[in-house]
Amino acid sequence: MENKSFVDAYQEINNRLIRLVGSMSALRELSSMEFGLVDEKELLNNSIRILLANHELDYVAVFMEKNGVLNKQASLQWEEEKSKETNEHPALIGMDLLAQDVFKSGKAQYKRDLTVDGEIGSAICLPVTSSDRHIGVMCAYYPDPDFFTQQHERSLLIFCNFLAQSVMNNRLLMNMEQLVQQRTEQLQHALDEAHELKVRYEQLSIVDELTSLHNRRFFFPEAHTHLAAAMRYEKPLSIVMIDIDRFKHINDQYGHAMGDDILKVFADILSNEKRDADILARYGGEEFVMLLTETNRDGAEVFAERVRVHIESHTWDMSDKNLQVTASFGVSSLQLPENLPPTELLDSLLQQADTALYKSKSAGRNRVSSFTELSD
């Protein structure tokens, strides 16, 4: 009798030692498990797999709280040499209500009359708690009504605490990743907006808002570049100054809205006549300037005359009559060789074109004059 009691005691101690080693192994694996930026279900399944590998359990399910509702998030069933994920298990019927009670009370509870496949087994459910906050419940099943003891409860409760910390760490990393992603997207959006504004302001600084033509700020650096190239390669180049005739009278008689409409149509006519390599800009008010690349005086005069005729033939419909608008032109051309630097030479060519334009105005308007003709 005494020998039997000794054997039973030894067996009990041995079983406890085995369970303790298994519990410590499970905790060690759980604490060393690499995680971060993983799906929470995957994290839970990996944790359950560790638990099944180190504890004599048949089935484990983890219920997690979300928006005040407790739902099963992960579950695995032990099979020989592996654990299998399963969405349905007969033990869930008894575990579900037990898990709800444990989540409300925050205390471990047992069920020792759980019938599964005709066999009476037992289940234990324990709170998964982080910083005194219940975030879920873990339930374990074994096909023996008297299997779970307080020792199981203590070891599994420690495991649940480790699990809770892993879940919260993972959620923190996920939230940080989402926050970083959100901030990155916001920053990129802000950078895109800043770039769009920069492009917009740069565009506004070189484009006339009314006519959509380039303005003087754009014209001068571009003209300097083309003029320098023409001098270097000894290519012809011409400047044409254009001024709408009697524009002040049009504004006074028909209103500024009509004047604006004339300016816009006038700009469209000039844009359609110019070549891609030419530079067109609104010089100021009703005055426009064009730089014609690889164009000598004769070519510039032909071009200006064609544009003059086009403008003269265009009519603006008025309520009581059709309005005709004319323009005067002044042409200057590069004379090679030139010893002036491009900046001074451009100013000289513009002054010459303006002088020729004044000649057109003085001679009755609606005509083309060339500075070279004045000096001949």
Foldseek 3Di string as FASTA:
>chain_A
DVVVVVVVVVVVVVVLVLLVVLLVQLLVCLVPDDDAPDDLLVNVQVSVFSNVVRDVFAKKWKWFDDPRDTDTRFMWGDDVPGIHTDPDAQQCVVVVVLFVVCQVVQAKDKDLQRAGPNAGWMKIKHFQDDPNHGGIIMMTIDRHSPPDDVSNVVSVNVSSPSSSVVSVVRVVNVVVVVVVVVVVVVVVVVVVVVVVVVVVVVLPVQADPLQRAGEPVVPQVLQLVLLVVCQVVVAKKKKKKKAWPPLVVCCVPPNVVVSSVLLNVLSVLVVVLDDPSKHKHAHDDRMIMIMHTRAFPVRVQVSVLVSQVVQQPDWDDDPVDIDGIGMFMFMEMDDPPDDDRSNVVVVVNVVLRVVQRVVCVVVPGSHYGYSVVVVD
